[in-house]
Each structure stands twice: as structure tokens, then as C-alpha cells.
C-alpha atoms as a PDB file:
ATOM      1  CA  MET A   1     -20.010  32.421   5.854  1.00  0.00           C
ATOM      2  CA  ASN A   2     -21.379  33.969   2.655  1.00  0.00           C
ATOM      3  CA  LYS A   3     -19.406  33.669  -0.562  1.00  0.00           C
ATOM      4  CA  ILE A   4     -18.849  36.463  -3.057  1.00  0.00           C
ATOM      5  CA  TYR A   5     -17.348  35.703  -6.447  1.00  0.00           C
ATOM      6  CA  ALA A   6     -15.742  38.732  -8.143  1.00  0.00           C
ATOM      7  CA  PHE A   7     -14.758  38.395 -11.795  1.00  0.00           C
ATOM      8  CA  ASP A   8     -12.816  40.856 -13.883  1.00  0.00           C
ATOM      9  CA  PHE A   9     -14.377  41.117 -17.354  1.00  0.00           C
ATOM     10  CA  ASP A  10     -11.853  42.155 -20.041  1.00  0.00           C
ATOM     11  CA  GLY A  11      -9.232  39.476 -20.563  1.00  0.00           C
ATOM     12  CA  THR A  12     -10.582  37.283 -17.755  1.00  0.00           C
ATOM     13  CA  LEU A  13     -14.093  36.441 -18.919  1.00  0.00           C
ATOM     14  CA  THR A  14     -13.401  37.725 -22.447  1.00  0.00           C
ATOM     15  CA  ARG A  15     -10.642  36.997 -24.943  1.00  0.00           C
ATOM     16  CA  ARG A  16      -9.797  40.681 -25.450  1.00  0.00           C
ATOM     17  CA  ASP A  17     -10.539  44.243 -24.366  1.00  0.00           C
ATOM     18  CA  THR A  18     -14.173  45.073 -25.054  1.00  0.00           C
ATOM     19  CA  LEU A  19     -13.768  48.877 -25.144  1.00  0.00           C
ATOM     20  CA  LEU A  20     -11.986  48.629 -28.488  1.00  0.00           C
ATOM     21  CA  GLU A  21     -14.390  45.995 -29.768  1.00  0.00           C
ATOM     22  CA  PHE A  22     -17.414  48.046 -28.675  1.00  0.00           C
ATOM     23  CA  ILE A  23     -16.118  51.193 -30.388  1.00  0.00           C
ATOM     24  CA  ARG A  24     -15.420  49.287 -33.605  1.00  0.00           C
ATOM     25  CA  TYR A  25     -18.854  47.618 -33.441  1.00  0.00           C
ATOM     26  CA  SER A  26     -20.741  50.853 -32.704  1.00  0.00           C
ATOM     27  CA  CYS A  27     -18.854  53.306 -34.906  1.00  0.00           C
ATOM     28  CA  GLY A  28     -17.342  51.228 -37.726  1.00  0.00           C
ATOM     29  CA  ASN A  29     -13.737  50.586 -38.777  1.00  0.00           C
ATOM     30  CA  LYS A  30     -13.162  53.927 -40.497  1.00  0.00           C
ATOM     31  CA  ALA A  31     -14.255  56.033 -37.493  1.00  0.00           C
ATOM     32  CA  PHE A  32     -12.382  53.657 -35.164  1.00  0.00           C
ATOM     33  CA  CYS A  33      -9.098  54.141 -37.053  1.00  0.00           C
ATOM     34  CA  LYS A  34      -9.580  57.902 -37.346  1.00  0.00           C
ATOM     35  CA  GLY A  35     -10.232  58.267 -33.602  1.00  0.00           C
ATOM     36  CA  PHE A  36      -7.300  56.141 -32.548  1.00  0.00           C
ATOM     37  CA  LEU A  37      -4.957  57.935 -34.932  1.00  0.00           C
ATOM     38  CA  ARG A  38      -6.048  61.198 -33.346  1.00  0.00           C
ATOM     39  CA  TYR A  39      -5.260  59.927 -29.841  1.00  0.00           C
ATOM     40  CA  SER A  40      -2.193  57.836 -30.698  1.00  0.00           C
ATOM     41  CA  PRO A  41       0.268  60.261 -29.025  1.00  0.00           C
ATOM     42  CA  LEU A  42      -1.667  60.009 -25.736  1.00  0.00           C
ATOM     43  CA  LEU A  43      -1.951  56.234 -26.094  1.00  0.00           C
ATOM     44  CA  VAL A  44       1.836  56.000 -26.465  1.00  0.00           C
ATOM     45  CA  LEU A  45       2.346  58.231 -23.408  1.00  0.00           C
ATOM     46  CA  MET A  46      -0.096  56.063 -21.458  1.00  0.00           C
ATOM     47  CA  LYS A  47       1.790  52.869 -22.408  1.00  0.00           C
ATOM     48  CA  LEU A  48       5.014  54.549 -21.244  1.00  0.00           C
ATOM     49  CA  GLY A  49       3.377  55.414 -17.909  1.00  0.00           C
ATOM     50  CA  GLN A  50       3.537  59.158 -18.625  1.00  0.00           C
ATOM     51  CA  TYR A  51      -0.205  59.817 -18.900  1.00  0.00           C
ATOM     52  CA  PRO A  52      -3.000  58.364 -16.710  1.00  0.00           C
ATOM     53  CA  ASN A  53      -4.971  55.454 -18.144  1.00  0.00           C
ATOM     54  CA  TRP A  54      -8.328  56.885 -17.025  1.00  0.00           C
ATOM     55  CA  LYS A  55      -7.723  60.231 -18.750  1.00  0.00           C
ATOM     56  CA  VAL A  56      -6.946  58.616 -22.086  1.00  0.00           C
ATOM     57  CA  LYS A  57      -9.944  56.301 -21.719  1.00  0.00           C
ATOM     58  CA  GLN A  58     -12.281  59.223 -21.014  1.00  0.00           C
ATOM     59  CA  LYS A  59     -10.952  61.302 -23.918  1.00  0.00           C
ATOM     60  CA  VAL A  60     -11.335  58.399 -26.340  1.00  0.00           C
ATOM     61  CA  PHE A  61     -14.780  57.576 -24.969  1.00  0.00           C
ATOM     62  CA  ALA A  62     -15.915  61.223 -25.311  1.00  0.00           C
ATOM     63  CA  TYR A  63     -14.617  61.401 -28.872  1.00  0.00           C
ATOM     64  CA  PHE A  64     -16.796  58.489 -29.942  1.00  0.00           C
ATOM     65  CA  PHE A  65     -19.881  58.779 -27.729  1.00  0.00           C
ATOM     66  CA  LYS A  66     -20.357  62.336 -26.398  1.00  0.00           C
ATOM     67  CA  GLY A  67     -23.883  63.513 -27.213  1.00  0.00           C
ATOM     68  CA  MET A  68     -25.271  60.054 -27.980  1.00  0.00           C
ATOM     69  CA  PRO A  69     -28.732  59.436 -26.495  1.00  0.00           C
ATOM     70  CA  LEU A  70     -28.508  57.001 -23.570  1.00  0.00           C
ATOM     71  CA  LYS A  71     -31.249  54.815 -25.067  1.00  0.00           C
ATOM     72  CA  ASP A  72     -29.180  54.400 -28.261  1.00  0.00           C
ATOM     73  CA  PHE A  73     -26.031  53.661 -26.246  1.00  0.00           C
ATOM     74  CA  ASP A  74     -27.863  51.028 -24.194  1.00  0.00           C
ATOM     75  CA  GLN A  75     -29.282  49.489 -27.376  1.00  0.00           C
ATOM     76  CA  GLN A  76     -25.768  49.324 -28.831  1.00  0.00           C
ATOM     77  CA  GLY A  77     -24.648  47.556 -25.639  1.00  0.00           C
ATOM     78  CA  ARG A  78     -27.409  44.948 -25.936  1.00  0.00           C
ATOM     79  CA  LEU A  79     -26.700  44.319 -29.629  1.00  0.00           C
ATOM     80  CA  PHE A  80     -22.952  44.169 -28.990  1.00  0.00           C
ATOM     81  CA  ALA A  81     -23.413  41.481 -26.316  1.00  0.00           C
ATOM     82  CA  LEU A  82     -25.812  39.535 -28.526  1.00  0.00           C
ATOM     83  CA  ASP A  83     -23.494  39.603 -31.554  1.00  0.00           C
ATOM     84  CA  ASN A  84     -20.247  39.044 -29.650  1.00  0.00           C
ATOM     85  CA  GLN A  85     -20.786  36.000 -27.458  1.00  0.00           C
ATOM     86  CA  HIS A  86     -17.684  34.569 -29.166  1.00  0.00           C
ATOM     87  CA  LEU A  87     -15.581  37.010 -27.117  1.00  0.00           C
ATOM     88  CA  LEU A  88     -16.431  35.101 -23.923  1.00  0.00           C
ATOM     89  CA  ARG A  89     -14.138  32.405 -22.566  1.00  0.00           C
ATOM     90  CA  PRO A  90     -16.253  29.224 -22.168  1.00  0.00           C
ATOM     91  CA  LYS A  91     -14.487  28.160 -18.956  1.00  0.00           C
ATOM     92  CA  GLY A  92     -15.181  31.602 -17.483  1.00  0.00           C
ATOM     93  CA  VAL A  93     -18.865  31.415 -18.416  1.00  0.00           C
ATOM     94  CA  ASP A  94     -19.024  27.965 -16.809  1.00  0.00           C
ATOM     95  CA  MET A  95     -17.478  29.293 -13.593  1.00  0.00           C
ATOM     96  CA  VAL A  96     -19.968  32.193 -13.445  1.00  0.00           C
ATOM     97  CA  LYS A  97     -22.835  29.699 -13.848  1.00  0.00           C
ATOM     98  CA  LYS A  98     -21.336  27.423 -11.176  1.00  0.00           C
ATOM     99  CA  ALA A  99     -21.067  30.366  -8.755  1.00  0.00           C
ATOM    100  CA  GLN A 100     -24.695  31.328  -9.496  1.00  0.00           C
ATOM    101  CA  ALA A 101     -25.786  27.722  -8.880  1.00  0.00           C
ATOM    102  CA  GLU A 102     -24.169  27.904  -5.418  1.00  0.00           C
ATOM    103  CA  ASP A 103     -26.538  30.786  -4.704  1.00  0.00           C
ATOM    104  CA  ALA A 104     -23.500  32.961  -3.990  1.00  0.00           C
ATOM    105  CA  GLU A 105     -23.287  36.670  -4.754  1.00  0.00           C
ATOM    106  CA  VAL A 106     -21.692  37.030  -8.197  1.00  0.00           C
ATOM    107  CA  LEU A 107     -20.073  40.276  -9.338  1.00  0.00           C
ATOM    108  CA  ILE A 108     -18.322  41.422 -12.460  1.00  0.00           C
ATOM    109  CA  VAL A 109     -15.909  44.126 -11.347  1.00  0.00           C
ATOM    110  CA  SER A 110     -14.669  45.860 -14.483  1.00  0.00           C
ATOM    111  CA  ALA A 111     -13.070  49.007 -15.804  1.00  0.00           C
ATOM    112  CA  SER A 112     -15.390  48.638 -18.801  1.00  0.00           C
ATOM    113  CA  ILE A 113     -18.621  50.574 -19.006  1.00  0.00           C
ATOM    114  CA  ASP A 114     -21.586  48.914 -17.264  1.00  0.00           C
ATOM    115  CA  ASN A 115     -23.875  49.477 -20.249  1.00  0.00           C
ATOM    116  CA  TRP A 116     -22.206  46.918 -22.504  1.00  0.00           C
ATOM    117  CA  VAL A 117     -21.013  44.505 -19.796  1.00  0.00           C
ATOM    118  CA  LYS A 118     -24.450  43.884 -18.198  1.00  0.00           C
ATOM    119  CA  PRO A 119     -26.091  42.338 -21.279  1.00  0.00           C
ATOM    120  CA  PHE A 120     -23.481  39.558 -21.424  1.00  0.00           C
ATOM    121  CA  PHE A 121     -24.626  37.970 -18.135  1.00  0.00           C
ATOM    122  CA  HIS A 122     -28.078  37.787 -16.556  1.00  0.00           C
ATOM    123  CA  GLY A 123     -28.466  37.690 -12.781  1.00  0.00           C
ATOM    124  CA  VAL A 124     -24.959  39.037 -12.196  1.00  0.00           C
ATOM    125  CA  LYS A 125     -24.297  42.376 -10.528  1.00  0.00           C
ATOM    126  CA  VAL A 126     -21.968  44.561 -12.630  1.00  0.00           C
ATOM    127  CA  VAL A 127     -19.679  46.965 -10.836  1.00  0.00           C
ATOM    128  CA  GLY A 128     -17.998  48.977 -13.561  1.00  0.00           C
ATOM    129  CA  THR A 129     -17.220  52.420 -14.821  1.00  0.00           C
ATOM    130  CA  GLN A 130     -20.433  54.400 -15.171  1.00  0.00           C
ATOM    131  CA  VAL A 131     -21.128  57.132 -17.705  1.00  0.00           C
ATOM    132  CA  GLU A 132     -22.515  60.568 -16.948  1.00  0.00           C
ATOM    133  CA  VAL A 133     -25.838  61.422 -18.587  1.00  0.00           C
ATOM    134  CA  LYS A 134     -27.552  64.816 -18.823  1.00  0.00           C
ATOM    135  CA  ASP A 135     -30.888  65.386 -20.518  1.00  0.00           C
ATOM    136  CA  GLY A 136     -30.868  61.798 -21.743  1.00  0.00           C
ATOM    137  CA  ARG A 137     -27.494  62.113 -23.536  1.00  0.00           C
ATOM    138  CA  LEU A 138     -23.958  61.011 -22.714  1.00  0.00           C
ATOM    139  CA  THR A 139     -21.754  63.926 -21.670  1.00  0.00           C
ATOM    140  CA  GLY A 140     -18.558  62.088 -22.552  1.00  0.00           C
ATOM    141  CA  HIS A 141     -17.510  62.058 -18.886  1.00  0.00           C
ATOM    142  CA  PHE A 142     -17.529  59.246 -16.376  1.00  0.00           C
ATOM    143  CA  LEU A 143     -19.878  59.456 -13.411  1.00  0.00           C
ATOM    144  CA  THR A 144     -17.600  57.235 -11.312  1.00  0.00           C
ATOM    145  CA  LYS A 145     -13.879  56.688 -11.069  1.00  0.00           C
ATOM    146  CA  ASN A 146     -12.478  54.244 -13.596  1.00  0.00           C
ATOM    147  CA  CYS A 147     -13.034  50.849 -11.923  1.00  0.00           C
ATOM    148  CA  TYR A 148      -9.377  49.787 -12.085  1.00  0.00           C
ATOM    149  CA  GLY A 149      -6.782  48.809  -9.492  1.00  0.00           C
ATOM    150  CA  GLN A 150      -7.616  49.922  -5.950  1.00  0.00           C
ATOM    151  CA  GLU A 151     -10.976  51.242  -7.160  1.00  0.00           C
ATOM    152  CA  LYS A 152     -12.119  47.618  -7.637  1.00  0.00           C
ATOM    153  CA  VAL A 153     -11.511  46.959  -3.931  1.00  0.00           C
ATOM    154  CA  ASN A 154     -13.179  50.257  -2.986  1.00  0.00           C
ATOM    155  CA  ARG A 155     -16.300  49.317  -4.968  1.00  0.00           C
ATOM    156  CA  ILE A 156     -16.514  45.856  -3.382  1.00  0.00           C
ATOM    157  CA  LEU A 157     -16.174  47.413   0.090  1.00  0.00           C
ATOM    158  CA  ALA A 158     -18.837  50.007  -0.741  1.00  0.00           C
ATOM    159  CA  LEU A 159     -21.264  47.163  -1.447  1.00  0.00           C
ATOM    160  CA  TYR A 160     -20.031  44.785   1.260  1.00  0.00           C
ATOM    161  CA  PRO A 161     -18.298  46.786   4.010  1.00  0.00           C
ATOM    162  CA  HIS A 162     -18.160  44.012   6.654  1.00  0.00           C
ATOM    163  CA  ARG A 163     -15.179  42.125   5.280  1.00  0.00           C
ATOM    164  CA  ASN A 164     -15.204  39.508   8.052  1.00  0.00           C
ATOM    165  CA  GLU A 165     -18.724  38.389   7.050  1.00  0.00           C
ATOM    166  CA  TYR A 166     -17.904  36.903   3.651  1.00  0.00           C
ATOM    167  CA  GLU A 167     -15.375  34.866   1.745  1.00  0.00           C
ATOM    168  CA  LEU A 168     -14.193  36.616  -1.418  1.00  0.00           C
ATOM    169  CA  ILE A 169     -13.114  34.555  -4.411  1.00  0.00           C
ATOM    170  CA  ALA A 170     -11.614  36.742  -7.154  1.00  0.00           C
ATOM    171  CA  TYR A 171     -10.616  36.160 -10.768  1.00  0.00           C
ATOM    172  CA  GLY A 172      -8.396  38.508 -12.777  1.00  0.00           C
ATOM    173  CA  ASP A 173      -5.775  38.678 -15.486  1.00  0.00           C
ATOM    174  CA  SER A 174      -3.924  42.001 -15.377  1.00  0.00           C
ATOM    175  CA  ALA A 175      -2.227  44.694 -13.312  1.00  0.00           C
ATOM    176  CA  GLY A 176      -5.646  46.353 -12.965  1.00  0.00           C
ATOM    177  CA  ASP A 177      -6.802  43.339 -10.934  1.00  0.00           C
ATOM    178  CA  LYS A 178      -3.764  43.082  -8.640  1.00  0.00           C
ATOM    179  CA  GLU A 179      -5.360  44.833  -5.665  1.00  0.00           C
ATOM    180  CA  MET A 180      -8.619  42.888  -5.949  1.00  0.00           C
ATOM    181  CA  LEU A 181      -6.740  39.588  -6.103  1.00  0.00           C
ATOM    182  CA  ALA A 182      -4.617  40.546  -3.074  1.00  0.00           C
ATOM    183  CA  PHE A 183      -7.781  41.528  -1.172  1.00  0.00           C
ATOM    184  CA  ALA A 184      -9.473  38.173  -1.854  1.00  0.00           C
ATOM    185  CA  ASP A 185      -9.448  35.086   0.348  1.00  0.00           C
ATOM    186  CA  GLU A 186      -8.935  32.999  -2.787  1.00  0.00           C
ATOM    187  CA  ALA A 187      -7.383  34.501  -5.912  1.00  0.00           C
ATOM    188  CA  HIS A 188      -7.204  33.092  -9.449  1.00  0.00           C
ATOM    189  CA  TYR A 189      -4.893  34.753 -11.989  1.00  0.00           C
ATOM    190  CA  LYS A 190      -5.581  34.060 -15.694  1.00  0.00           C
ATOM    191  CA  PRO A 191      -7.662  31.015 -14.777  1.00  0.00           C
ATOM    192  CA  PHE A 192      -9.723  30.494 -17.921  1.00  0.00           C
ATOM    193  CA  ARG A 193      -7.038  30.414 -20.609  1.00  0.00           C
ATOM    194  CA  VAL A 194      -7.147  27.345 -22.839  1.00  0.00           C
END
């Protein structure tokens, strides 16, 4: 039976949420603070469960990146990964390499945007939230649903629909990974913490 390893990214393979780190890296501290002050009421409502996570994420993302050329956004993603290897959990990196050495299918299934997750790992398929692009520029909207919760399972099934043909080993650390962990044959919750 084939093996598929599915890793969450933020908090599982990394020490903290990369959306915030990517915004700070790409836009600077001043713009970061200004943007988050602007959206603080929605962020509070989201934390209280009164406003959907994906809507806040898209509004914040659009505020910072709408209109940016895709080539510049991709370049920022590559530089971010290069300059922020310290965000990775060493035990998580080791497990990804071990899974690759087994010649298994290795996925990162993340609510983060593909463009800055992909450069962190080579030879790993990234299944994340994708951005909409028109005329070579980011529209500020997401092309796909936010890859969170049940959407993680949906994305795995879209790639590998014959569930009885593979063993799924999943790694996660938050409520957004609950469904993926429950769907797996072998689940690991917060496995790489030191």
C-alpha cells in the first residue's frame, strides 16, 4: 500500500504563523502595524467566533497585496523562505526528509498561501490557499477556498480519491487540522515541539 505523508505548515513545521511573518517581511513593521490596527475590530470578532476566519484573512491579504505583480510576490516568497529558515522546526524538517527518503508522497497541506510555502521545501507538493491573478497582478482574492479544516481533507481527496489505496500519515497542531488528523490512518498532534 502506498504511503502519503500530509504535514500542516504553520505551527507544525514552523514555530509560528507565517502569514504574519510574511506580511511583516514584505511590507515592513510600520505598514504591518497600520494594517492590523485597521482590521483589529474584525480580528477580535474572528477570535470570538463572530466573523469567519477566511473572510478576515482575505481582507487582510487584499489590504497588503492587492495589485502586486505576481512575479514580485513570488520573489518575495522565495526571499522570505531563504531568510527565514529559522522559523522551521528541525524535527519537522527531519521527518519531511525521512518521508521523502521512503519514496512516499509528501504533501504540505496548509491554509497559508502556496507562493511562500513552496520555497521552504523542495520536492514536496504544496496544497494550500491559492491567490487569484489577473493580468499578472494579484486581485486580493483567493482562487481556492481557504485550505483549513474540512477543506484540507477535500484537497487530499481531490488529489487521491481512492482512499483504500493508500495509508495516510498526518501531522498537525491546531483546530484547523482536526479533520485531516481524524481522516488519517496515523495522526500526530503537535509532534515536533521541543
